[in-house]
Amino acid sequence: MKDKASLKILIVTASYFHSNYGGGQVYVKNIVNEMIAQNLDVSIATPGTDAKVVSYYQEKPVYTFTDKMLEDGLMGVKKLITKINPSIVHVHGFKEPFSLACKSLKIPCIVTAHHGGLICPAGALLNSKDKICNVKASDSNCLPCVLRNVKGGTFTFSIQKIIPFKLRLSIGKWLKKIPFIYFITPIGTTTLSIENKKREWKKIYTNASLLIAPSIAIKDAMLRNGASKNKIKVIPHGIPINIKDNSAILEENIEASKKNKRVKFFYVGRICKEKGVHIMLEAFSDLKVPAEIHIIGGTGNSKEEKYYRFLKKKYKNHDNIFWYGKVPPEKVNEKIKMFDIMIHPAFFLEVFGLTIAESLSMGKPVIATKCGGAEMQIKHKENGLLIPPNDVNALKEKMKEILECPDLLIKLKKNTGVNVNSINNHVKDLVKIYKPLVKR
C-alpha cells in the first residue's frame, strides 16, 4: 500500500475523455477503470474548450486543457501539471507539449504510441504504394506519401522533387505566414510538415522518460527514427477479461461450430480505407460457399463517411453482408457472441490491434494481416491465421479454408486464450515501470 500511495498518476488523453471513438480512447478508458479498481491515485487531463471546468469520473478529477494553454509557451500546461501535482505523467495525446513541460518540471513522463502518426509525417506508416513503411522519415522518403494525402498533391511530385529542399522549405515557411490559399498552401507546405514532424518526434523521444511500444513493429519504427533502445519498453495492451464468463462463452462457441451451420465472419473497427474493409468485402464477395459477414463500426470524418457510403452502395445487393454501424464499446461483445471468426484486414502499420485481443478473449479466432500488432497476438494456425496485407486472394483462400475445414475452426477456437493479456496484469506492468522513474 505504501508503494501505491507514493504514486500519483496523471493520464493525458488524445481526445475528449468522456467520448469513446477509436481503439486508443477505449484503451485509455480501460486503464483508468483498472487503475481505479486497483486503488491507484489517478487523475485525467483531457482537451476541451473551458479550462475552468473540472468534471469527475468515478470520483476521480478530469481536468481540461485548451488550445490556448498549449500555445502560450507551455506556461498553461505547466500550471495545470503543477496544480495537479502528479508524481508521474502518462501521455497518450498531445505528446510534445506535455513531454516538454514534464521535463522542465522534472516530473517523469511516459509516452505510449497509439498509431504511426507519432513518427510518420503521412500519419499511418503507410508508403505511397500502400506498403507498410520500413524506412526512416526523411524528405525524400516521405514527400510522395505526404503529397498523396493532399488534394492534387501527387501530380506535383515530379516538379517538387527537382526543386531544392531548402527552397521548398522556405516556400513552406512563407506560405504559413500569409492567408491560406486553396490548393497552393497544402501542397506548398508539405516539405515543412515533414520537417515539423521530425522535429516533434525528436522532442518527444528526447524529453520523455520512457516510450511504450505496444508491439515490436512500432518499437522498430521508433529505433529507425532516432529513439534510444534504452528508452523503449514493449508492453502489449491489455483488455478487460472475465475468465469465468469467457470460459462459458468458449464452450458455447465450440459446440456451435460442431453443428452444421453457416459460418459467420465479422469485422470490428473503423470503416476506413487503411483498415482494408474493401479488401475484405472483395474477398468475401468472391466466395462460392454460403457464409455471412457482419460489419461493426462507424466513421470519424467526411473522408471515412464517403468510403463507408461507397462500400454500402457497391455491395447493397449482397444479402449476406450485414452492416451494424457504430456500436457502443460495452455492447460490442454482445454482438460478436453470435459470430464465429473475425477478419482484421488492415494494410497499414497497426500499432497493436485492440479488436484482435477483444475477439480472442471472446473465443473468436482471427484471420489477420501481418500488419504489426497482429503478429504479437496471432500464432498462425493456433489461434488464428496470418496473411500478407493488401492481398485479396490470400484472404479469400483463408476464408475458404475455414468454410471447407470445420475442424480447423474448432481447433482455432480452442486456442483463443493464447497471447491475450488482461487489463489487470497490464496495469500492474505499468506500475512496475512507473515506480523506478518516480524514485529517481
Protein backbone atom coordinates (compact mmCIF):
# COMPACT_ATOMS: atom_id res chain seq x y z
CA MET A 1 0.00 0.00 0.00
CA LYS A 2 2.90 2.34 0.71
CA ASP A 3 4.21 1.99 -2.86
CA LYS A 4 0.75 2.67 -4.29
CA ALA A 5 0.32 5.71 -2.05
CA SER A 6 3.57 7.19 -3.40
CA LEU A 7 2.24 7.10 -6.95
CA LYS A 8 0.08 9.96 -8.12
CA ILE A 9 -0.64 9.29 -11.78
CA LEU A 10 -1.81 11.81 -14.37
CA ILE A 11 -3.23 10.34 -17.58
CA VAL A 12 -3.26 12.72 -20.58
CA THR A 13 -5.79 11.77 -23.29
CA ALA A 14 -5.64 12.38 -27.05
CA SER A 15 -9.28 13.48 -27.28
CA TYR A 16 -12.20 14.17 -25.00
CA PHE A 17 -12.05 11.55 -22.25
CA HIS A 18 -15.82 11.06 -21.96
CA SER A 19 -16.16 10.06 -25.63
CA ASN A 20 -15.26 6.59 -26.95
CA TYR A 21 -14.25 6.89 -30.61
CA GLY A 22 -11.35 4.66 -31.62
CA GLY A 23 -9.31 1.91 -30.01
CA GLY A 24 -6.91 4.36 -28.38
CA GLN A 25 -9.69 6.02 -26.40
CA VAL A 26 -11.19 2.69 -25.38
CA TYR A 27 -7.76 1.54 -24.18
CA VAL A 28 -7.20 4.70 -22.11
CA LYS A 29 -10.65 4.36 -20.52
CA ASN A 30 -9.84 0.71 -19.73
CA ILE A 31 -6.58 1.52 -17.95
CA VAL A 32 -8.22 4.33 -15.96
CA ASN A 33 -11.00 1.96 -14.89
CA GLU A 34 -8.47 -0.65 -13.83
CA MET A 35 -6.30 1.88 -12.00
CA ILE A 36 -9.34 2.92 -10.02
CA ALA A 37 -10.16 -0.75 -9.33
CA GLN A 38 -6.60 -1.22 -8.05
CA ASN A 39 -6.98 1.80 -5.72
CA LEU A 40 -4.35 3.85 -7.53
CA ASP A 41 -4.35 7.64 -7.25
CA VAL A 42 -5.17 8.69 -10.81
CA SER A 43 -6.27 11.96 -12.43
CA ILE A 44 -7.09 12.70 -16.06
CA ALA A 45 -6.20 15.68 -18.28
CA THR A 46 -8.29 15.97 -21.43
CA PRO A 47 -8.65 18.53 -24.26
CA GLY A 48 -11.65 20.85 -24.16
CA THR A 49 -12.83 24.41 -24.54
CA ASP A 50 -13.11 25.54 -20.93
CA ALA A 51 -10.09 25.11 -18.65
CA LYS A 52 -12.14 26.23 -15.64
CA VAL A 53 -14.31 23.12 -15.84
CA VAL A 54 -13.26 20.15 -13.70
CA SER A 55 -15.51 17.13 -14.11
CA TYR A 56 -15.34 13.79 -12.35
CA TYR A 57 -15.18 10.18 -13.48
CA GLN A 58 -15.83 7.61 -10.74
CA GLU A 59 -14.88 10.33 -8.24
CA LYS A 60 -11.54 10.95 -9.99
CA PRO A 61 -10.92 14.51 -11.28
CA VAL A 62 -10.90 15.18 -15.03
CA TYR A 63 -9.08 18.44 -15.80
CA THR A 64 -9.49 20.30 -19.09
CA PHE A 65 -6.73 21.94 -21.11
CA THR A 66 -7.37 24.21 -24.09
CA ASP A 67 -5.61 25.10 -27.35
CA LYS A 68 -4.59 28.41 -25.81
CA MET A 69 -2.85 26.62 -22.95
CA LEU A 70 -0.89 24.58 -25.50
CA GLU A 71 0.18 27.66 -27.45
CA ASP A 72 1.40 30.04 -24.73
CA GLY A 73 4.94 28.76 -24.42
CA LEU A 74 3.79 25.81 -22.29
CA MET A 75 3.00 28.07 -19.34
CA GLY A 76 -0.61 26.90 -19.29
CA VAL A 77 0.39 23.23 -19.43
CA LYS A 78 2.99 23.70 -16.70
CA LYS A 79 0.45 25.45 -14.47
CA LEU A 80 -2.02 22.61 -14.97
CA ILE A 81 0.55 19.94 -14.16
CA THR A 82 1.76 21.90 -11.14
CA LYS A 83 -1.84 22.27 -9.93
CA ILE A 84 -2.46 18.50 -10.18
CA ASN A 85 0.99 17.76 -8.73
CA PRO A 86 1.44 14.20 -10.08
CA SER A 87 4.46 12.05 -9.33
CA ILE A 88 4.33 10.67 -12.90
CA VAL A 89 2.57 11.66 -16.14
CA HIS A 90 1.47 9.06 -18.69
CA VAL A 91 0.82 10.77 -22.03
CA HIS A 92 -1.47 9.31 -24.70
CA GLY A 93 -2.09 12.51 -26.64
CA PHE A 94 -0.51 15.97 -27.06
CA LYS A 95 2.81 14.23 -26.54
CA GLU A 96 5.18 17.03 -27.49
CA PRO A 97 3.88 19.81 -25.18
CA PHE A 98 3.35 17.51 -22.19
CA SER A 99 6.73 15.77 -22.51
CA LEU A 100 8.45 19.18 -22.78
CA ALA A 101 6.53 20.55 -19.80
CA CYS A 102 7.28 17.48 -17.69
CA LYS A 103 10.99 17.66 -18.49
CA SER A 104 11.01 21.33 -17.47
CA LEU A 105 9.20 20.50 -14.20
CA LYS A 106 11.44 17.46 -13.55
CA ILE A 107 8.43 15.12 -13.47
CA PRO A 108 8.86 11.69 -15.12
CA CYS A 109 6.82 11.32 -18.29
CA ILE A 110 5.87 8.16 -20.18
CA VAL A 111 4.60 8.33 -23.78
CA THR A 112 2.57 5.48 -25.30
CA ALA A 113 2.34 5.11 -29.09
CA HIS A 114 -1.20 4.53 -30.33
CA HIS A 115 -0.69 5.00 -34.08
CA GLY A 116 2.01 5.60 -36.65
CA GLY A 117 1.34 9.33 -36.66
CA LEU A 118 3.66 9.63 -33.67
CA ILE A 119 6.55 9.15 -36.10
CA CYS A 120 5.14 9.26 -39.61
CA PRO A 121 4.60 12.62 -41.42
CA ALA A 122 1.89 10.98 -43.55
CA GLY A 123 0.18 9.61 -40.44
CA ALA A 124 -0.09 5.84 -40.85
CA LEU A 125 3.39 4.45 -41.59
CA LEU A 126 1.99 3.53 -44.98
CA ASN A 127 4.00 4.46 -48.07
CA SER A 128 2.74 5.79 -51.38
CA LYS A 129 2.48 2.24 -52.76
CA ASP A 130 0.22 1.11 -49.90
CA LYS A 131 3.02 -0.88 -48.27
CA ILE A 132 3.92 -0.66 -44.58
CA CYS A 133 6.80 1.79 -44.29
CA ASN A 134 10.15 0.38 -43.17
CA VAL A 135 12.44 3.35 -43.84
CA LYS A 136 13.48 6.37 -41.80
CA ALA A 137 11.41 9.55 -42.09
CA SER A 138 13.09 11.99 -44.44
CA ASP A 139 12.15 14.49 -47.11
CA SER A 140 12.96 12.10 -49.96
CA ASN A 141 11.21 9.12 -48.36
CA CYS A 142 8.13 10.96 -47.10
CA LEU A 143 7.38 13.55 -49.80
CA PRO A 144 5.39 11.22 -52.13
CA CYS A 145 3.40 9.84 -49.17
CA VAL A 146 2.52 13.27 -47.74
CA LEU A 147 1.63 14.65 -51.17
CA ARG A 148 -0.74 11.72 -51.71
CA ASN A 149 -2.75 12.92 -48.70
CA VAL A 150 -3.17 16.39 -50.22
CA LYS A 151 -5.76 17.02 -52.92
CA GLY A 152 -3.92 17.14 -56.24
CA GLY A 153 -0.59 16.69 -54.49
CA THR A 154 0.52 13.53 -56.31
CA PHE A 155 0.50 15.38 -59.64
CA THR A 156 3.04 17.90 -58.32
CA PHE A 157 5.59 15.34 -57.09
CA SER A 158 7.67 15.30 -60.30
CA ILE A 159 8.01 19.10 -60.05
CA GLN A 160 8.63 19.26 -56.32
CA LYS A 161 11.40 16.67 -56.33
CA ILE A 162 13.54 18.78 -58.67
CA ILE A 163 13.13 21.92 -56.52
CA PRO A 164 15.97 22.19 -53.96
CA PHE A 165 14.97 21.13 -50.46
CA LYS A 166 15.91 24.45 -48.82
CA LEU A 167 13.84 26.38 -51.36
CA ARG A 168 10.78 24.18 -50.75
CA LEU A 169 11.26 24.63 -47.02
CA SER A 170 11.48 28.41 -47.40
CA ILE A 171 8.35 28.46 -49.55
CA GLY A 172 6.50 26.45 -46.92
CA LYS A 173 7.52 28.84 -44.14
CA TRP A 174 6.43 31.83 -46.24
CA LEU A 175 3.06 30.25 -47.07
CA LYS A 176 2.42 29.68 -43.35
CA LYS A 177 2.79 33.41 -42.71
CA ILE A 178 0.21 34.53 -45.26
CA PRO A 179 -3.55 33.83 -45.53
CA PHE A 180 -4.50 30.31 -46.61
CA ILE A 181 -4.60 29.78 -50.40
CA TYR A 182 -6.74 26.86 -51.58
CA PHE A 183 -4.69 24.10 -53.23
CA ILE A 184 -1.43 26.10 -53.03
CA THR A 185 -0.94 26.18 -49.24
CA PRO A 186 -1.44 22.44 -48.56
CA ILE A 187 0.88 21.42 -51.42
CA GLY A 188 3.47 24.15 -50.81
CA THR A 189 3.84 23.31 -47.12
CA THR A 190 4.40 19.53 -47.46
CA THR A 191 8.18 19.77 -47.04
CA LEU A 192 7.71 21.97 -43.97
CA SER A 193 5.20 19.49 -42.49
CA ILE A 194 7.70 16.64 -42.88
CA GLU A 195 10.41 18.62 -41.09
CA ASN A 196 7.98 19.67 -38.37
CA LYS A 197 7.00 16.04 -37.72
CA LYS A 198 10.66 15.02 -37.49
CA ARG A 199 11.35 17.84 -35.00
CA GLU A 200 8.23 16.99 -32.99
CA TRP A 201 9.21 13.33 -32.71
CA LYS A 202 12.77 14.24 -31.71
CA LYS A 203 11.45 16.47 -28.93
CA ILE A 204 9.20 13.66 -27.72
CA TYR A 205 11.83 10.93 -27.59
CA THR A 206 14.42 13.32 -26.16
CA ASN A 207 12.23 14.69 -23.36
CA ALA A 208 10.12 11.67 -22.43
CA SER A 209 11.47 9.48 -19.65
CA LEU A 210 10.22 6.33 -21.37
CA LEU A 211 8.42 5.32 -24.58
CA ILE A 212 5.92 2.46 -24.57
CA ALA A 213 5.57 0.49 -27.81
CA PRO A 214 2.58 -1.89 -27.81
CA SER A 215 4.29 -4.02 -30.50
CA ILE A 216 7.76 -4.86 -31.77
CA ALA A 217 6.87 -3.28 -35.12
CA ILE A 218 6.32 0.19 -33.61
CA LYS A 219 9.46 -0.24 -31.47
CA ASP A 220 11.45 -0.88 -34.66
CA ALA A 221 9.94 2.25 -36.23
CA MET A 222 10.94 4.28 -33.17
CA LEU A 223 14.51 2.96 -33.33
CA ARG A 224 14.76 3.69 -37.07
CA ASN A 225 13.80 7.25 -36.37
CA GLY A 226 16.33 8.05 -33.67
CA ALA A 227 14.90 6.91 -30.32
CA SER A 228 17.29 5.21 -27.93
CA LYS A 229 16.80 1.48 -27.35
CA ASN A 230 17.14 2.08 -23.61
CA LYS A 231 14.13 4.40 -23.65
CA ILE A 232 11.69 1.96 -25.28
CA LYS A 233 9.66 -0.68 -23.48
CA VAL A 234 7.45 -3.11 -25.42
CA ILE A 235 4.24 -3.66 -23.44
CA PRO A 236 1.27 -5.14 -25.38
CA HIS A 237 -2.09 -3.64 -24.45
CA GLY A 238 -4.36 -5.41 -22.01
CA ILE A 239 -8.14 -5.75 -22.14
CA PRO A 240 -10.90 -6.39 -19.56
CA ILE A 241 -11.38 -10.15 -19.22
CA ASN A 242 -13.93 -12.06 -17.17
CA ILE A 243 -12.30 -15.50 -17.11
CA LYS A 244 -15.40 -17.30 -15.78
CA ASP A 245 -17.79 -15.77 -18.31
CA ASN A 246 -15.35 -16.20 -21.19
CA SER A 247 -14.82 -19.90 -20.40
CA ALA A 248 -18.55 -20.45 -20.73
CA ILE A 249 -18.63 -18.48 -23.98
CA LEU A 250 -15.76 -20.56 -25.37
CA GLU A 251 -17.64 -23.78 -24.65
CA GLU A 252 -20.70 -22.41 -26.45
CA ASN A 253 -18.54 -21.36 -29.41
CA ILE A 254 -17.02 -24.80 -29.80
CA GLU A 255 -20.36 -26.58 -29.51
CA ALA A 256 -21.88 -24.25 -32.10
CA SER A 257 -19.02 -24.96 -34.53
CA LYS A 258 -19.60 -28.71 -34.23
CA LYS A 259 -23.05 -28.30 -35.76
CA ASN A 260 -23.52 -27.87 -39.47
CA LYS A 261 -24.27 -24.22 -39.90
CA ARG A 262 -23.29 -21.24 -41.97
CA VAL A 263 -20.00 -19.66 -40.83
CA LYS A 264 -20.38 -16.07 -39.68
CA PHE A 265 -17.33 -13.90 -40.29
CA PHE A 266 -17.22 -10.46 -38.68
CA TYR A 267 -15.25 -7.21 -38.60
CA VAL A 268 -14.99 -4.69 -35.76
CA GLY A 269 -13.32 -1.31 -36.20
CA ARG A 270 -13.33 1.99 -38.01
CA ILE A 271 -14.69 1.94 -41.55
CA CYS A 272 -11.74 3.46 -43.40
CA LYS A 273 -9.53 2.53 -46.32
CA GLU A 274 -6.33 1.70 -44.42
CA LYS A 275 -8.27 -0.82 -42.32
CA GLY A 276 -8.78 -2.78 -45.56
CA VAL A 277 -12.56 -3.16 -45.36
CA HIS A 278 -12.80 -3.03 -49.18
CA ILE A 279 -10.26 -5.87 -49.45
CA MET A 280 -12.27 -7.96 -47.00
CA LEU A 281 -15.54 -7.39 -48.87
CA GLU A 282 -13.98 -8.15 -52.26
CA ALA A 283 -12.59 -11.43 -50.91
CA PHE A 284 -15.91 -12.34 -49.28
CA SER A 285 -17.99 -11.49 -52.36
CA ASP A 286 -15.91 -13.96 -54.43
CA LEU A 287 -16.66 -16.91 -52.14
CA LYS A 288 -18.82 -19.64 -53.65
CA VAL A 289 -19.61 -21.39 -50.36
CA PRO A 290 -22.54 -19.81 -48.41
CA ALA A 291 -21.39 -17.66 -45.48
CA GLU A 292 -22.17 -14.37 -43.76
CA ILE A 293 -20.11 -11.34 -42.85
CA HIS A 294 -21.13 -8.87 -40.14
CA ILE A 295 -19.55 -5.41 -40.03
CA ILE A 296 -19.49 -3.42 -36.79
CA GLY A 297 -18.03 0.08 -36.90
CA GLY A 298 -18.56 3.69 -37.79
CA THR A 299 -16.69 6.65 -39.21
CA GLY A 300 -14.95 9.67 -37.72
CA ASN A 301 -14.74 12.16 -40.58
CA SER A 302 -16.16 13.01 -44.02
CA LYS A 303 -13.50 11.00 -45.88
CA GLU A 304 -14.35 7.87 -43.94
CA GLU A 305 -18.07 8.52 -44.35
CA LYS A 306 -17.63 8.76 -48.14
CA TYR A 307 -15.75 5.45 -48.13
CA TYR A 308 -18.47 3.85 -45.97
CA ARG A 309 -21.24 5.01 -48.33
CA PHE A 310 -19.29 3.76 -51.36
CA LEU A 311 -18.94 0.26 -49.90
CA LYS A 312 -22.58 0.02 -48.82
CA LYS A 313 -23.68 1.07 -52.29
CA LYS A 314 -21.28 -1.32 -54.04
CA TYR A 315 -22.46 -4.31 -52.02
CA LYS A 316 -26.09 -3.34 -51.49
CA ASN A 317 -27.35 -6.42 -53.36
CA HIS A 318 -25.33 -8.89 -51.25
CA ASP A 319 -27.83 -10.40 -48.82
CA ASN A 320 -25.11 -11.99 -46.68
CA ILE A 321 -23.34 -8.71 -45.80
CA PHE A 322 -24.76 -7.10 -42.65
CA TRP A 323 -23.94 -3.53 -41.54
CA TYR A 324 -24.41 -2.52 -37.89
CA GLY A 325 -22.83 0.94 -37.80
CA LYS A 326 -21.11 2.18 -34.69
CA VAL A 327 -21.90 0.13 -31.58
CA PRO A 328 -21.05 1.35 -28.03
CA PRO A 329 -17.96 -0.47 -26.68
CA GLU A 330 -19.94 -2.06 -23.86
CA LYS A 331 -22.36 -3.57 -26.42
CA VAL A 332 -19.80 -4.98 -28.88
CA ASN A 333 -19.25 -8.24 -27.00
CA GLU A 334 -22.99 -8.93 -27.02
CA LYS A 335 -22.93 -8.62 -30.82
CA ILE A 336 -19.91 -10.78 -31.53
CA LYS A 337 -21.17 -13.63 -29.33
CA MET A 338 -23.32 -14.58 -32.34
CA PHE A 339 -20.39 -14.80 -34.78
CA ASP A 340 -17.56 -17.26 -35.47
CA ILE A 341 -14.32 -15.70 -36.68
CA MET A 342 -13.06 -12.16 -37.02
CA ILE A 343 -11.38 -10.64 -40.09
CA HIS A 344 -8.70 -8.00 -39.45
CA PRO A 345 -7.71 -6.85 -42.97
CA ALA A 346 -5.62 -3.72 -42.15
CA PHE A 347 -2.75 -2.93 -44.52
CA PHE A 348 -1.15 -0.04 -42.61
CA LEU A 349 1.03 -0.49 -39.51
CA GLU A 350 -1.42 -1.40 -36.75
CA VAL A 351 0.38 -0.47 -33.54
CA PHE A 352 -1.49 -3.15 -31.59
CA GLY A 353 -5.00 -4.06 -32.74
CA LEU A 354 -7.23 -3.92 -29.68
CA THR A 355 -10.12 -5.59 -31.51
CA ILE A 356 -7.94 -8.64 -32.13
CA ALA A 357 -7.37 -9.05 -28.39
CA GLU A 358 -11.05 -8.44 -27.64
CA SER A 359 -12.15 -11.04 -30.18
CA LEU A 360 -9.69 -13.65 -28.91
CA SER A 361 -10.88 -13.06 -25.35
CA MET A 362 -14.39 -13.89 -26.53
CA GLY A 363 -13.27 -17.19 -28.01
CA LYS A 364 -13.27 -15.84 -31.56
CA PRO A 365 -10.19 -16.67 -33.66
CA VAL A 366 -8.91 -14.06 -36.11
CA ILE A 367 -7.76 -14.01 -39.72
CA ALA A 368 -5.37 -11.06 -39.66
CA THR A 369 -2.88 -9.39 -41.94
CA LYS A 370 0.76 -9.18 -40.87
CA CYS A 371 0.42 -5.52 -40.02
CA GLY A 372 2.48 -5.15 -36.85
CA GLY A 373 0.29 -5.69 -33.81
CA ALA A 374 -1.34 -8.81 -35.22
CA GLU A 375 1.90 -10.81 -35.15
CA MET A 376 2.19 -10.09 -31.41
CA GLN A 377 -1.18 -11.76 -30.80
CA ILE A 378 -1.83 -14.34 -33.51
CA LYS A 379 0.02 -17.65 -33.75
CA HIS A 380 -0.63 -18.98 -37.24
CA LYS A 381 -2.97 -21.98 -37.27
CA GLU A 382 -3.07 -21.96 -33.46
CA ASN A 383 -5.45 -19.13 -32.50
CA GLY A 384 -5.90 -17.62 -35.95
CA LEU A 385 -4.46 -17.27 -39.43
CA LEU A 386 -1.93 -14.71 -40.69
CA ILE A 387 -1.84 -13.43 -44.27
CA PRO A 388 0.06 -10.77 -46.23
CA PRO A 389 -1.54 -7.30 -46.14
CA ASN A 390 -3.45 -5.92 -49.13
CA ASP A 391 -3.91 -9.35 -50.72
CA VAL A 392 -7.48 -10.20 -51.73
CA ASN A 393 -6.62 -13.71 -52.96
CA ALA A 394 -4.74 -14.64 -49.78
CA LEU A 395 -7.68 -13.56 -47.64
CA LYS A 396 -10.18 -15.35 -49.87
CA GLU A 397 -8.18 -18.59 -49.63
CA LYS A 398 -8.08 -18.48 -45.83
CA MET A 399 -11.80 -17.75 -45.63
CA LYS A 400 -12.41 -20.73 -47.94
CA GLU A 401 -10.18 -22.88 -45.74
CA ILE A 402 -12.33 -22.02 -42.72
CA LEU A 403 -15.51 -22.80 -44.64
CA GLU A 404 -14.26 -26.10 -46.03
CA CYS A 405 -12.50 -27.35 -42.86
CA PRO A 406 -14.88 -27.19 -39.85
CA ASP A 407 -12.30 -28.96 -37.67
CA LEU A 408 -9.84 -26.10 -38.24
CA LEU A 409 -12.31 -23.56 -36.89
CA ILE A 410 -12.88 -25.70 -33.78
CA LYS A 411 -9.12 -26.05 -33.25
CA LEU A 412 -8.59 -22.29 -33.55
CA LYS A 413 -11.41 -21.57 -31.12
CA LYS A 414 -9.93 -23.90 -28.51
CA ASN A 415 -6.68 -21.91 -28.51
CA THR A 416 -8.02 -18.36 -28.46
CA GLY A 417 -6.75 -17.75 -24.92
CA VAL A 418 -3.16 -17.72 -26.22
CA ASN A 419 -1.47 -14.28 -26.00
CA VAL A 420 -4.43 -12.40 -24.50
CA ASN A 421 -3.25 -10.04 -21.76
CA SER A 422 -5.73 -8.92 -19.10
CA ILE A 423 -6.08 -5.24 -18.24
CA ASN A 424 -5.42 -6.22 -14.62
CA ASN A 425 -1.96 -7.59 -15.47
CA HIS A 426 -1.34 -4.77 -17.92
CA VAL A 427 -1.85 -2.06 -15.29
CA LYS A 428 0.38 -3.99 -12.89
CA ASP A 429 3.06 -3.96 -15.61
CA LEU A 430 2.62 -0.20 -15.97
CA VAL A 431 3.00 0.32 -12.23
CA LYS A 432 6.23 -1.71 -12.33
CA ILE A 433 7.73 0.75 -14.79
CA TYR A 434 6.29 3.83 -13.07
CA LYS A 435 7.95 3.12 -9.71
CA PRO A 436 11.64 3.24 -10.74
CA LEU A 437 11.03 6.50 -12.65
CA VAL A 438 9.37 8.13 -9.65
CA LYS A 439 12.20 7.05 -7.33
CA ARG A 440 14.95 8.58 -9.48
